[in-house]
Amino acid sequence: MSQSQEKLVQAFEELFSIEQKAHDYYEKLLTENQTEHQKEVISRIHDDEEKHMKIVEEIISLVGGSK
């Protein structure tokens, strides 16, 4: 793997970590007392973060990483 590919994988691994932290944050919020509307919104954001994580994993795999 070239140096530029390694840097790209590293950047996407950092992005994955950020997405995972956001996912975990919204997952925690779902366990707290919320109105039904708030739970729906938080659940959609939580699901979006999960999708983002999968996309980043695919990108890392395409670039040559191991996620």
Protein backbone atom coordinates (compact mmCIF):
# COMPACT_ATOMS: atom_id res chain seq x y z
CA MET A 1 0.00 0.00 0.00
CA SER A 2 1.35 3.40 -0.94
CA GLN A 3 1.90 6.14 1.58
CA SER A 4 -1.01 8.16 0.19
CA GLN A 5 -3.30 5.12 0.54
CA GLU A 6 -2.15 4.64 4.13
CA LYS A 7 -2.94 8.28 4.92
CA LEU A 8 -6.35 7.91 3.31
CA VAL A 9 -7.12 4.75 5.30
CA GLN A 10 -5.99 6.49 8.49
CA ALA A 11 -8.26 9.46 7.78
CA PHE A 12 -11.24 7.19 7.18
CA GLU A 13 -10.44 5.17 10.30
CA GLU A 14 -10.57 8.43 12.27
CA LEU A 15 -13.86 9.26 10.57
CA PHE A 16 -15.19 5.81 11.51
CA SER A 17 -14.27 6.48 15.13
CA ILE A 18 -16.16 9.79 15.06
CA GLU A 19 -19.22 8.12 13.53
CA GLN A 20 -19.07 5.36 16.11
CA LYS A 21 -18.93 7.86 18.97
CA ALA A 22 -21.94 9.69 17.53
CA HIS A 23 -23.78 6.37 17.12
CA ASP A 24 -23.05 5.43 20.73
CA TYR A 25 -24.15 8.87 21.95
CA TYR A 26 -27.53 8.63 20.21
CA GLU A 27 -27.92 5.04 21.38
CA LYS A 28 -27.47 6.27 24.95
CA LEU A 29 -30.00 9.05 24.38
CA LEU A 30 -32.57 6.47 23.32
CA THR A 31 -32.44 4.95 26.80
CA GLU A 32 -33.24 8.26 28.49
CA ASN A 33 -36.69 9.74 29.07
CA GLN A 34 -37.78 11.44 25.87
CA THR A 35 -41.07 12.35 24.26
CA GLU A 36 -42.24 10.02 21.50
CA HIS A 37 -41.31 12.60 18.87
CA GLN A 38 -37.82 13.03 20.35
CA LYS A 39 -37.32 9.26 20.36
CA GLU A 40 -38.34 9.07 16.68
CA VAL A 41 -35.90 11.82 15.71
CA ILE A 42 -33.06 10.38 17.80
CA SER A 43 -33.73 6.92 16.40
CA ARG A 44 -33.48 8.23 12.81
CA ILE A 45 -30.20 9.99 13.61
CA HIS A 46 -28.92 6.83 15.31
CA ASP A 47 -29.80 4.80 12.22
CA ASP A 48 -28.09 7.36 9.98
CA GLU A 49 -24.90 7.10 12.04
CA GLU A 50 -25.02 3.33 11.62
CA LYS A 51 -25.32 3.78 7.84
CA HIS A 52 -22.40 6.22 7.89
CA MET A 53 -20.27 3.65 9.74
CA LYS A 54 -21.05 1.01 7.11
CA ILE A 55 -20.21 3.41 4.28
CA VAL A 56 -16.89 4.33 5.87
CA GLU A 57 -16.11 0.63 6.41
CA GLU A 58 -16.76 -0.01 2.71
CA ILE A 59 -14.52 2.89 1.71
CA ILE A 60 -11.71 1.65 3.95
CA SER A 61 -12.07 -1.81 2.43
CA LEU A 62 -11.95 -0.40 -1.11
CA VAL A 63 -8.87 1.68 -0.36
CA GLY A 64 -7.11 -1.31 1.11
CA GLY A 65 -7.65 -1.17 4.84
CA SER A 66 -8.96 -3.88 7.12
CA LYS A 67 -12.28 -2.66 8.63
